[in-house]
Amino acid sequence: MIKVYYYASVREKTGTNETRVDGFSSGDHTGTIVDLVKHLEEHYGISLTNSDSPLTERANYADIISALIVMVNGRHIAHVGGLDALVADGDVVSIFPLIGGG
């Protein structure tokens, strides 16, 4: 089971502050951040990024990085493999919107 925590506008989009993903990885098979985001978007039927279409309909996954801050076990994905960072049972994933302001 992977625990996923949502913050700010991502929490508003999902309607919850956390979810548990069961069966996402098993045995030697683990998924990537892209796989997890696709799974979550399919589950909620929404785009977690600022795009109008779900990730499964887009060819460019760079908008995950341009719209979201994703952390795996407290570490930003940039430090654990980027979009190819692996997530497995027992991991904690936190998803924040990329917030700018002044």
PDB file of N, CA and C in Angstrom:
ATOM      1  N   MET A   1       0.835  -1.174   0.000  1.00  0.00           N
ATOM      2  CA  MET A   1       0.000   0.000   0.000  1.00  0.00           C
ATOM      3  C   MET A   1       0.888   1.248   0.000  1.00  0.00           C
ATOM      4  N   ILE A   2       0.539   2.193  -0.834  1.00  0.00           N
ATOM      5  CA  ILE A   2       1.225   3.484  -0.903  1.00  0.00           C
ATOM      6  C   ILE A   2       0.270   4.518  -0.327  1.00  0.00           C
ATOM      7  N   LYS A   3       0.759   5.345   0.573  1.00  0.00           N
ATOM      8  CA  LYS A   3      -0.036   6.452   1.098  1.00  0.00           C
ATOM      9  C   LYS A   3       0.262   7.679   0.250  1.00  0.00           C
ATOM     10  N   VAL A   4      -0.794   8.354  -0.186  1.00  0.00           N
ATOM     11  CA  VAL A   4      -0.640   9.566  -0.981  1.00  0.00           C
ATOM     12  C   VAL A   4      -1.359  10.690  -0.249  1.00  0.00           C
ATOM     13  N   TYR A   5      -0.631  11.775   0.009  1.00  0.00           N
ATOM     14  CA  TYR A   5      -1.188  12.952   0.670  1.00  0.00           C
ATOM     15  C   TYR A   5      -1.291  14.086  -0.338  1.00  0.00           C
ATOM     16  N   TYR A   6      -2.418  14.806  -0.300  1.00  0.00           N
ATOM     17  CA  TYR A   6      -2.666  15.920  -1.214  1.00  0.00           C
ATOM     18  C   TYR A   6      -2.714  17.227  -0.423  1.00  0.00           C
ATOM     19  N   TYR A   7      -2.214  18.285  -1.043  1.00  0.00           N
ATOM     20  CA  TYR A   7      -2.166  19.585  -0.379  1.00  0.00           C
ATOM     21  C   TYR A   7      -2.738  20.671  -1.284  1.00  0.00           C
ATOM     22  N   ALA A   8      -3.293  21.696  -0.647  1.00  0.00           N
ATOM     23  CA  ALA A   8      -3.801  22.918  -1.293  1.00  0.00           C
ATOM     24  C   ALA A   8      -4.767  22.588  -2.440  1.00  0.00           C
ATOM     25  N   SER A   9      -4.534  23.137  -3.637  1.00  0.00           N
ATOM     26  CA  SER A   9      -5.491  22.966  -4.731  1.00  0.00           C
ATOM     27  C   SER A   9      -5.587  21.521  -5.211  1.00  0.00           C
ATOM     28  N   VAL A  10      -4.543  20.727  -5.016  1.00  0.00           N
ATOM     29  CA  VAL A  10      -4.623  19.311  -5.385  1.00  0.00           C
ATOM     30  C   VAL A  10      -5.622  18.609  -4.466  1.00  0.00           C
ATOM     31  N   ARG A  11      -5.618  18.974  -3.203  1.00  0.00           N
ATOM     32  CA  ARG A  11      -6.590  18.431  -2.251  1.00  0.00           C
ATOM     33  C   ARG A  11      -8.004  18.841  -2.658  1.00  0.00           C
ATOM     34  N   GLU A  12      -8.167  20.088  -3.110  1.00  0.00           N
ATOM     35  CA  GLU A  12      -9.485  20.547  -3.545  1.00  0.00           C
ATOM     36  C   GLU A  12      -9.964  19.766  -4.767  1.00  0.00           C
ATOM     37  N   LYS A  13      -9.048  19.471  -5.695  1.00  0.00           N
ATOM     38  CA  LYS A  13      -9.427  18.718  -6.894  1.00  0.00           C
ATOM     39  C   LYS A  13      -9.853  17.291  -6.554  1.00  0.00           C
ATOM     40  N   THR A  14      -9.143  16.652  -5.633  1.00  0.00           N
ATOM     41  CA  THR A  14      -9.439  15.258  -5.302  1.00  0.00           C
ATOM     42  C   THR A  14     -10.583  15.137  -4.297  1.00  0.00           C
ATOM     43  N   GLY A  15     -10.810  16.195  -3.538  1.00  0.00           N
ATOM     44  CA  GLY A  15     -11.865  16.162  -2.527  1.00  0.00           C
ATOM     45  C   GLY A  15     -11.466  15.421  -1.261  1.00  0.00           C
ATOM     46  N   THR A  16     -10.180  15.135  -1.112  1.00  0.00           N
ATOM     47  CA  THR A  16      -9.689  14.441   0.074  1.00  0.00           C
ATOM     48  C   THR A  16      -8.246  14.859   0.336  1.00  0.00           C
ATOM     49  N   ASN A  17      -7.790  14.642   1.568  1.00  0.00           N
ATOM     50  CA  ASN A  17      -6.407  15.013   1.869  1.00  0.00           C
ATOM     51  C   ASN A  17      -5.456  13.827   1.782  1.00  0.00           C
ATOM     52  N   GLU A  18      -6.005  12.621   1.678  1.00  0.00           N
ATOM     53  CA  GLU A  18      -5.124  11.464   1.529  1.00  0.00           C
ATOM     54  C   GLU A  18      -5.875  10.297   0.925  1.00  0.00           C
ATOM     55  N   THR A  19      -5.098   9.391   0.359  1.00  0.00           N
ATOM     56  CA  THR A  19      -5.658   8.152  -0.170  1.00  0.00           C
ATOM     57  C   THR A  19      -4.608   7.065  -0.032  1.00  0.00           C
ATOM     58  N   ARG A  20      -5.053   5.854  -0.112  1.00  0.00           N
ATOM     59  CA  ARG A  20      -4.153   4.707  -0.076  1.00  0.00           C
ATOM     60  C   ARG A  20      -4.316   3.952  -1.377  1.00  0.00           C
ATOM     61  N   VAL A  21      -3.203   3.638  -1.988  1.00  0.00           N
ATOM     62  CA  VAL A  21      -3.224   2.923  -3.258  1.00  0.00           C
ATOM     63  C   VAL A  21      -2.736   1.508  -3.000  1.00  0.00           C
ATOM     64  N   ASP A  22      -3.631   0.559  -3.161  1.00  0.00           N
ATOM     65  CA  ASP A  22      -3.296  -0.849  -2.979  1.00  0.00           C
ATOM     66  C   ASP A  22      -3.070  -1.497  -4.336  1.00  0.00           C
ATOM     67  N   GLY A  23      -2.182  -2.469  -4.376  1.00  0.00           N
ATOM     68  CA  GLY A  23      -1.967  -3.230  -5.592  1.00  0.00           C
ATOM     69  C   GLY A  23      -1.241  -2.499  -6.695  1.00  0.00           C
ATOM     70  N   PHE A  24      -0.689  -1.314  -6.391  1.00  0.00           N
ATOM     71  CA  PHE A  24       0.034  -0.556  -7.408  1.00  0.00           C
ATOM     72  C   PHE A  24       1.356  -1.223  -7.739  1.00  0.00           C
ATOM     73  N   SER A  25       1.977  -1.836  -6.746  1.00  0.00           N
ATOM     74  CA  SER A  25       3.236  -2.535  -6.971  1.00  0.00           C
ATOM     75  C   SER A  25       3.174  -3.861  -6.231  1.00  0.00           C
ATOM     76  N   SER A  26       3.809  -4.848  -6.815  1.00  0.00           N
ATOM     77  CA  SER A  26       3.841  -6.149  -6.159  1.00  0.00           C
ATOM     78  C   SER A  26       5.082  -6.905  -6.601  1.00  0.00           C
ATOM     79  N   GLY A  27       5.677  -7.608  -5.698  1.00  0.00           N
ATOM     80  CA  GLY A  27       6.861  -8.390  -6.022  1.00  0.00           C
ATOM     81  C   GLY A  27       7.962  -7.526  -6.601  1.00  0.00           C
ATOM     82  N   ASP A  28       8.461  -7.931  -7.751  1.00  0.00           N
ATOM     83  CA  ASP A  28       9.541  -7.186  -8.396  1.00  0.00           C
ATOM     84  C   ASP A  28       9.034  -5.997  -9.199  1.00  0.00           C
ATOM     85  N   HIS A  29       7.716  -5.892  -9.391  1.00  0.00           N
ATOM     86  CA  HIS A  29       7.177  -4.800 -10.192  1.00  0.00           C
ATOM     87  C   HIS A  29       6.904  -3.589  -9.315  1.00  0.00           C
ATOM     88  N   THR A  30       7.521  -2.492  -9.659  1.00  0.00           N
ATOM     89  CA  THR A  30       7.210  -1.225  -9.002  1.00  0.00           C
ATOM     90  C   THR A  30       6.866  -0.226 -10.089  1.00  0.00           C
ATOM     91  N   GLY A  31       6.106   0.774  -9.734  1.00  0.00           N
ATOM     92  CA  GLY A  31       5.714   1.783 -10.696  1.00  0.00           C
ATOM     93  C   GLY A  31       6.518   3.054 -10.512  1.00  0.00           C
ATOM     94  N   THR A  32       6.415   3.922 -11.481  1.00  0.00           N
ATOM     95  CA  THR A  32       7.101   5.210 -11.433  1.00  0.00           C
ATOM     96  C   THR A  32       6.115   6.293 -10.997  1.00  0.00           C
ATOM     97  N   ILE A  33       6.643   7.485 -10.795  1.00  0.00           N
ATOM     98  CA  ILE A  33       5.794   8.641 -10.472  1.00  0.00           C
ATOM     99  C   ILE A  33       4.773   8.861 -11.575  1.00  0.00           C
ATOM    100  N   VAL A  34       5.187   8.758 -12.829  1.00  0.00           N
ATOM    101  CA  VAL A  34       4.249   8.934 -13.940  1.00  0.00           C
ATOM    102  C   VAL A  34       3.134   7.901 -13.844  1.00  0.00           C
ATOM    103  N   ASP A  35       3.489   6.643 -13.572  1.00  0.00           N
ATOM    104  CA  ASP A  35       2.479   5.591 -13.438  1.00  0.00           C
ATOM    105  C   ASP A  35       1.500   5.913 -12.310  1.00  0.00           C
ATOM    106  N   LEU A  36       2.024   6.398 -11.195  1.00  0.00           N
ATOM    107  CA  LEU A  36       1.175   6.716 -10.053  1.00  0.00           C
ATOM    108  C   LEU A  36       0.239   7.878 -10.367  1.00  0.00           C
ATOM    109  N   VAL A  37       0.758   8.930 -10.985  1.00  0.00           N
ATOM    110  CA  VAL A  37      -0.085  10.080 -11.329  1.00  0.00           C
ATOM    111  C   VAL A  37      -1.171   9.648 -12.314  1.00  0.00           C
ATOM    112  N   LYS A  38      -0.811   8.839 -13.306  1.00  0.00           N
ATOM    113  CA  LYS A  38      -1.823   8.312 -14.240  1.00  0.00           C
ATOM    114  C   LYS A  38      -2.902   7.547 -13.478  1.00  0.00           C
ATOM    115  N   HIS A  39      -2.468   6.681 -12.578  1.00  0.00           N
ATOM    116  CA  HIS A  39      -3.405   5.884 -11.783  1.00  0.00           C
ATOM    117  C   HIS A  39      -4.345   6.782 -10.983  1.00  0.00           C
ATOM    118  N   LEU A  40      -3.790   7.798 -10.331  1.00  0.00           N
ATOM    119  CA  LEU A  40      -4.612   8.698  -9.513  1.00  0.00           C
ATOM    120  C   LEU A  40      -5.580   9.497 -10.369  1.00  0.00           C
ATOM    121  N   GLU A  41      -5.125   9.970 -11.529  1.00  0.00           N
ATOM    122  CA  GLU A  41      -6.014  10.729 -12.410  1.00  0.00           C
ATOM    123  C   GLU A  41      -7.151   9.849 -12.919  1.00  0.00           C
ATOM    124  N   GLU A  42      -6.840   8.600 -13.242  1.00  0.00           N
ATOM    125  CA  GLU A  42      -7.895   7.680 -13.678  1.00  0.00           C
ATOM    126  C   GLU A  42      -8.878   7.416 -12.536  1.00  0.00           C
ATOM    127  N   HIS A  43      -8.338   7.242 -11.340  1.00  0.00           N
ATOM    128  CA  HIS A  43      -9.187   6.986 -10.172  1.00  0.00           C
ATOM    129  C   HIS A  43     -10.152   8.141  -9.907  1.00  0.00           C
ATOM    130  N   TYR A  44      -9.636   9.370  -9.951  1.00  0.00           N
ATOM    131  CA  TYR A  44     -10.467  10.542  -9.652  1.00  0.00           C
ATOM    132  C   TYR A  44     -11.179  11.100 -10.879  1.00  0.00           C
ATOM    133  N   GLY A  45     -10.744  10.713 -12.071  1.00  0.00           N
ATOM    134  CA  GLY A  45     -11.347  11.222 -13.297  1.00  0.00           C
ATOM    135  C   GLY A  45     -11.053  12.687 -13.546  1.00  0.00           C
ATOM    136  N   ILE A  46      -9.864  13.129 -13.092  1.00  0.00           N
ATOM    137  CA  ILE A  46      -9.473  14.529 -13.232  1.00  0.00           C
ATOM    138  C   ILE A  46      -8.002  14.615 -13.629  1.00  0.00           C
ATOM    139  N   SER A  47      -7.588  15.804 -14.001  1.00  0.00           N
ATOM    140  CA  SER A  47      -6.177  16.084 -14.207  1.00  0.00           C
ATOM    141  C   SER A  47      -5.639  16.698 -12.912  1.00  0.00           C
ATOM    142  N   LEU A  48      -4.566  16.130 -12.382  1.00  0.00           N
ATOM    143  CA  LEU A  48      -3.969  16.697 -11.167  1.00  0.00           C
ATOM    144  C   LEU A  48      -3.128  17.924 -11.479  1.00  0.00           C
ATOM    145  N   THR A  49      -2.696  18.055 -12.730  1.00  0.00           N
ATOM    146  CA  THR A  49      -1.917  19.218 -13.137  1.00  0.00           C
ATOM    147  C   THR A  49      -2.873  20.305 -13.599  1.00  0.00           C
ATOM    148  N   ASN A  50      -2.344  21.339 -14.190  1.00  0.00           N
ATOM    149  CA  ASN A  50      -3.181  22.439 -14.665  1.00  0.00           C
ATOM    150  C   ASN A  50      -3.764  22.176 -16.046  1.00  0.00           C
ATOM    151  N   SER A  51      -3.467  21.020 -16.616  1.00  0.00           N
ATOM    152  CA  SER A  51      -3.957  20.684 -17.946  1.00  0.00           C
ATOM    153  C   SER A  51      -5.454  20.402 -17.906  1.00  0.00           C
ATOM    154  N   ASP A  52      -6.095  20.591 -19.056  1.00  0.00           N
ATOM    155  CA  ASP A  52      -7.520  20.302 -19.154  1.00  0.00           C
ATOM    156  C   ASP A  52      -7.797  18.821 -19.382  1.00  0.00           C
ATOM    157  N   SER A  53      -6.760  18.083 -19.788  1.00  0.00           N
ATOM    158  CA  SER A  53      -6.977  16.663 -20.076  1.00  0.00           C
ATOM    159  C   SER A  53      -6.130  15.800 -19.152  1.00  0.00           C
ATOM    160  N   PRO A  54      -6.623  14.611 -18.830  1.00  0.00           N
ATOM    161  CA  PRO A  54      -5.856  13.714 -17.960  1.00  0.00           C
ATOM    162  C   PRO A  54      -4.528  13.312 -18.585  1.00  0.00           C
ATOM    163  N   LEU A  55      -3.603  12.910 -17.746  1.00  0.00           N
ATOM    164  CA  LEU A  55      -2.258  12.538 -18.185  1.00  0.00           C
ATOM    165  C   LEU A  55      -2.284  11.430 -19.222  1.00  0.00           C
ATOM    166  N   THR A  56      -3.220  10.529 -19.132  1.00  0.00           N
ATOM    167  CA  THR A  56      -3.277   9.412 -20.075  1.00  0.00           C
ATOM    168  C   THR A  56      -3.537   9.884 -21.498  1.00  0.00           C
ATOM    169  N   GLU A  57      -4.054  11.089 -21.657  1.00  0.00           N
ATOM    170  CA  GLU A  57      -4.336  11.618 -22.984  1.00  0.00           C
ATOM    171  C   GLU A  57      -3.250  12.571 -23.476  1.00  0.00           C
ATOM    172  N   ARG A  58      -2.226  12.772 -22.692  1.00  0.00           N
ATOM    173  CA  ARG A  58      -1.166  13.700 -23.073  1.00  0.00           C
ATOM    174  C   ARG A  58       0.114  12.933 -23.369  1.00  0.00           C
ATOM    175  N   ALA A  59       0.861  13.398 -24.346  1.00  0.00           N
ATOM    176  CA  ALA A  59       2.110  12.737 -24.707  1.00  0.00           C
ATOM    177  C   ALA A  59       3.283  13.281 -23.895  1.00  0.00           C
ATOM    178  N   ASN A  60       3.162  14.502 -23.387  1.00  0.00           N
ATOM    179  CA  ASN A  60       4.263  15.142 -22.684  1.00  0.00           C
ATOM    180  C   ASN A  60       4.013  15.137 -21.185  1.00  0.00           C
ATOM    181  N   TYR A  61       4.877  14.451 -20.446  1.00  0.00           N
ATOM    182  CA  TYR A  61       4.706  14.342 -19.006  1.00  0.00           C
ATOM    183  C   TYR A  61       5.433  15.443 -18.241  1.00  0.00           C
ATOM    184  N   ALA A  62       6.089  16.344 -18.961  1.00  0.00           N
ATOM    185  CA  ALA A  62       6.837  17.412 -18.298  1.00  0.00           C
ATOM    186  C   ALA A  62       5.922  18.320 -17.484  1.00  0.00           C
ATOM    187  N   ASP A  63       4.632  18.344 -17.794  1.00  0.00           N
ATOM    188  CA  ASP A  63       3.738  19.222 -17.036  1.00  0.00           C
ATOM    189  C   ASP A  63       3.556  18.747 -15.599  1.00  0.00           C
ATOM    190  N   ILE A  64       3.929  17.506 -15.305  1.00  0.00           N
ATOM    191  CA  ILE A  64       3.915  17.074 -13.909  1.00  0.00           C
ATOM    192  C   ILE A  64       4.906  17.929 -13.129  1.00  0.00           C
ATOM    193  N   ILE A  65       6.099  18.085 -13.680  1.00  0.00           N
ATOM    194  CA  ILE A  65       7.132  18.873 -13.015  1.00  0.00           C
ATOM    195  C   ILE A  65       6.790  20.356 -13.027  1.00  0.00           C
ATOM    196  N   SER A  66       6.161  20.833 -14.084  1.00  0.00           N
ATOM    197  CA  SER A  66       5.868  22.261 -14.164  1.00  0.00           C
ATOM    198  C   SER A  66       4.648  22.663 -13.340  1.00  0.00           C
ATOM    199  N   ALA A  67       3.834  21.686 -12.907  1.00  0.00           N
ATOM    200  CA  ALA A  67       2.606  22.017 -12.180  1.00  0.00           C
ATOM    201  C   ALA A  67       2.547  21.458 -10.769  1.00  0.00           C
ATOM    202  N   LEU A  68       3.375  20.444 -10.473  1.00  0.00           N
ATOM    203  CA  LEU A  68       3.281  19.776  -9.181  1.00  0.00           C
ATOM    204  C   LEU A  68       4.636  19.634  -8.507  1.00  0.00           C
ATOM    205  N   ILE A  69       4.619  19.638  -7.204  1.00  0.00           N
ATOM    206  CA  ILE A  69       5.776  19.242  -6.410  1.00  0.00           C
ATOM    207  C   ILE A  69       5.420  17.871  -5.856  1.00  0.00           C
ATOM    208  N   VAL A  70       6.238  16.886  -6.194  1.00  0.00           N
ATOM    209  CA  VAL A  70       5.981  15.518  -5.749  1.00  0.00           C
ATOM    210  C   VAL A  70       7.154  15.060  -4.888  1.00  0.00           C
ATOM    211  N   MET A  71       6.830  14.538  -3.734  1.00  0.00           N
ATOM    212  CA  MET A  71       7.858  14.037  -2.828  1.00  0.00           C
ATOM    213  C   MET A  71       7.576  12.570  -2.519  1.00  0.00           C
ATOM    214  N   VAL A  72       8.642  11.778  -2.462  1.00  0.00           N
ATOM    215  CA  VAL A  72       8.539  10.369  -2.104  1.00  0.00           C
ATOM    216  C   VAL A  72       9.323  10.170  -0.822  1.00  0.00           C
ATOM    217  N   ASN A  73       8.640   9.760   0.210  1.00  0.00           N
ATOM    218  CA  ASN A  73       9.264   9.556   1.520  1.00  0.00           C
ATOM    219  C   ASN A  73      10.038  10.792   1.982  1.00  0.00           C
ATOM    220  N   GLY A  74       9.435  11.960   1.743  1.00  0.00           N
ATOM    221  CA  GLY A  74      10.016  13.213   2.208  1.00  0.00           C
ATOM    222  C   GLY A  74      11.106  13.796   1.326  1.00  0.00           C
ATOM    223  N   ARG A  75      11.375  13.162   0.191  1.00  0.00           N
ATOM    224  CA  ARG A  75      12.415  13.661  -0.715  1.00  0.00           C
ATOM    225  C   ARG A  75      11.788  14.049  -2.049  1.00  0.00           C
ATOM    226  N   HIS A  76      12.157  15.226  -2.538  1.00  0.00           N
ATOM    227  CA  HIS A  76      11.653  15.699  -3.822  1.00  0.00           C
ATOM    228  C   HIS A  76      12.069  14.716  -4.905  1.00  0.00           C
ATOM    229  N   ILE A  77      11.184  14.483  -5.887  1.00  0.00           N
ATOM    230  CA  ILE A  77      11.500  13.491  -6.913  1.00  0.00           C
ATOM    231  C   ILE A  77      12.755  13.837  -7.703  1.00  0.00           C
ATOM    232  N   ALA A  78      13.124  15.112  -7.743  1.00  0.00           N
ATOM    233  CA  ALA A  78      14.356  15.499  -8.441  1.00  0.00           C
ATOM    234  C   ALA A  78      15.578  14.819  -7.832  1.00  0.00           C
ATOM    235  N   HIS A  79      15.477  14.415  -6.571  1.00  0.00           N
ATOM    236  CA  HIS A  79      16.607  13.800  -5.874  1.00  0.00           C
ATOM    237  C   HIS A  79      16.512  12.277  -5.799  1.00  0.00           C
ATOM    238  N   VAL A  80      15.440  11.714  -6.343  1.00  0.00           N
ATOM    239  CA  VAL A  80      15.278  10.261  -6.271  1.00  0.00           C
ATOM    240  C   VAL A  80      14.940   9.632  -7.629  1.00  0.00           C
ATOM    241  N   GLY A  81      15.240  10.329  -8.711  1.00  0.00           N
ATOM    242  CA  GLY A  81      15.026   9.754 -10.038  1.00  0.00           C
ATOM    243  C   GLY A  81      14.058  10.495 -10.926  1.00  0.00           C
ATOM    244  N   GLY A  82      13.562  11.642 -10.481  1.00  0.00           N
ATOM    245  CA  GLY A  82      12.654  12.432 -11.307  1.00  0.00           C
ATOM    246  C   GLY A  82      11.354  11.703 -11.592  1.00  0.00           C
ATOM    247  N   LEU A  83      10.850  11.850 -12.811  1.00  0.00           N
ATOM    248  CA  LEU A  83       9.594  11.202 -13.178  1.00  0.00           C
ATOM    249  C   LEU A  83       9.724   9.687 -13.209  1.00  0.00           C
ATOM    250  N   ASP A  84      10.957   9.210 -13.299  1.00  0.00           N
ATOM    251  CA  ASP A  84      11.202   7.765 -13.288  1.00  0.00           C
ATOM    252  C   ASP A  84      11.426   7.226 -11.881  1.00  0.00           C
ATOM    253  N   ALA A  85      11.282   8.075 -10.868  1.00  0.00           N
ATOM    254  CA  ALA A  85      11.441   7.625  -9.482  1.00  0.00           C
ATOM    255  C   ALA A  85      10.448   6.500  -9.220  1.00  0.00           C
ATOM    256  N   LEU A  86      10.929   5.448  -8.603  1.00  0.00           N
ATOM    257  CA  LEU A  86      10.083   4.295  -8.322  1.00  0.00           C
ATOM    258  C   LEU A  86       9.323   4.479  -7.013  1.00  0.00           C
ATOM    259  N   VAL A  87       8.085   4.039  -7.006  1.00  0.00           N
ATOM    260  CA  VAL A  87       7.294   4.018  -5.787  1.00  0.00           C
ATOM    261  C   VAL A  87       6.811   2.592  -5.573  1.00  0.00           C
ATOM    262  N   ALA A  88       6.820   2.182  -4.328  1.00  0.00           N
ATOM    263  CA  ALA A  88       6.461   0.802  -4.007  1.00  0.00           C
ATOM    264  C   ALA A  88       5.675   0.764  -2.712  1.00  0.00           C
ATOM    265  N   ASP A  89       5.154  -0.403  -2.395  1.00  0.00           N
ATOM    266  CA  ASP A  89       4.406  -0.573  -1.150  1.00  0.00           C
ATOM    267  C   ASP A  89       5.215  -0.054   0.029  1.00  0.00           C
ATOM    268  N   GLY A  90       4.548   0.680   0.906  1.00  0.00           N
ATOM    269  CA  GLY A  90       5.189   1.243   2.083  1.00  0.00           C
ATOM    270  C   GLY A  90       5.661   2.680   1.894  1.00  0.00           C
ATOM    271  N   ASP A  91       5.693   3.160   0.646  1.00  0.00           N
ATOM    272  CA  ASP A  91       6.135   4.528   0.400  1.00  0.00           C
ATOM    273  C   ASP A  91       5.037   5.529   0.740  1.00  0.00           C
ATOM    274  N   VAL A  92       5.473   6.744   1.042  1.00  0.00           N
ATOM    275  CA  VAL A  92       4.566   7.863   1.282  1.00  0.00           C
ATOM    276  C   VAL A  92       4.860   8.908   0.215  1.00  0.00           C
ATOM    277  N   VAL A  93       3.828   9.272  -0.546  1.00  0.00           N
ATOM    278  CA  VAL A  93       3.964  10.254  -1.624  1.00  0.00           C
ATOM    279  C   VAL A  93       3.141  11.474  -1.253  1.00  0.00           C
ATOM    280  N   SER A  94       3.754  12.644  -1.352  1.00  0.00           N
ATOM    281  CA  SER A  94       3.068  13.909  -1.082  1.00  0.00           C
ATOM    282  C   SER A  94       3.010  14.707  -2.376  1.00  0.00           C
ATOM    283  N   ILE A  95       1.827  15.230  -2.700  1.00  0.00           N
ATOM    284  CA  ILE A  95       1.635  15.984  -3.933  1.00  0.00           C
ATOM    285  C   ILE A  95       1.132  17.374  -3.592  1.00  0.00           C
ATOM    286  N   PHE A  96       1.906  18.367  -4.004  1.00  0.00           N
ATOM    287  CA  PHE A  96       1.598  19.779  -3.768  1.00  0.00           C
ATOM    288  C   PHE A  96       1.452  20.475  -5.129  1.00  0.00           C
ATOM    289  N   PRO A  97       0.636  21.517  -5.218  1.00  0.00           N
ATOM    290  CA  PRO A  97       0.661  22.318  -6.431  1.00  0.00           C
ATOM    291  C   PRO A  97       1.928  23.170  -6.424  1.00  0.00           C
ATOM    292  N   LEU A  98       2.402  23.495  -7.603  1.00  0.00           N
ATOM    293  CA  LEU A  98       3.521  24.420  -7.695  1.00  0.00           C
ATOM    294  C   LEU A  98       2.942  25.808  -7.491  1.00  0.00           C
ATOM    295  N   ILE A  99       3.250  26.405  -6.358  1.00  0.00           N
ATOM    296  CA  ILE A  99       2.620  27.673  -5.975  1.00  0.00           C
ATOM    297  C   ILE A  99       3.611  28.804  -6.181  1.00  0.00           C
ATOM    298  N   GLY A 100       3.150  29.848  -6.827  1.00  0.00           N
ATOM    299  CA  GLY A 100       3.969  31.035  -6.993  1.00  0.00           C
ATOM    300  C   GLY A 100       3.218  32.219  -6.439  1.00  0.00           C
ATOM    301  N   GLY A 101       3.933  33.175  -6.035  1.00  0.00           N
ATOM    302  CA  GLY A 101       3.258  34.359  -5.515  1.00  0.00           C
ATOM    303  C   GLY A 101       4.277  35.416  -5.144  1.00  0.00           C
ATOM    304  N   GLY A 102       3.783  36.486  -4.671  1.00  0.00           N
ATOM    305  CA  GLY A 102       4.722  37.544  -4.350  1.00  0.00           C
ATOM    306  C   GLY A 102       4.262  38.354  -3.188  1.00  0.00           C
TER     307      GLY A 102
END
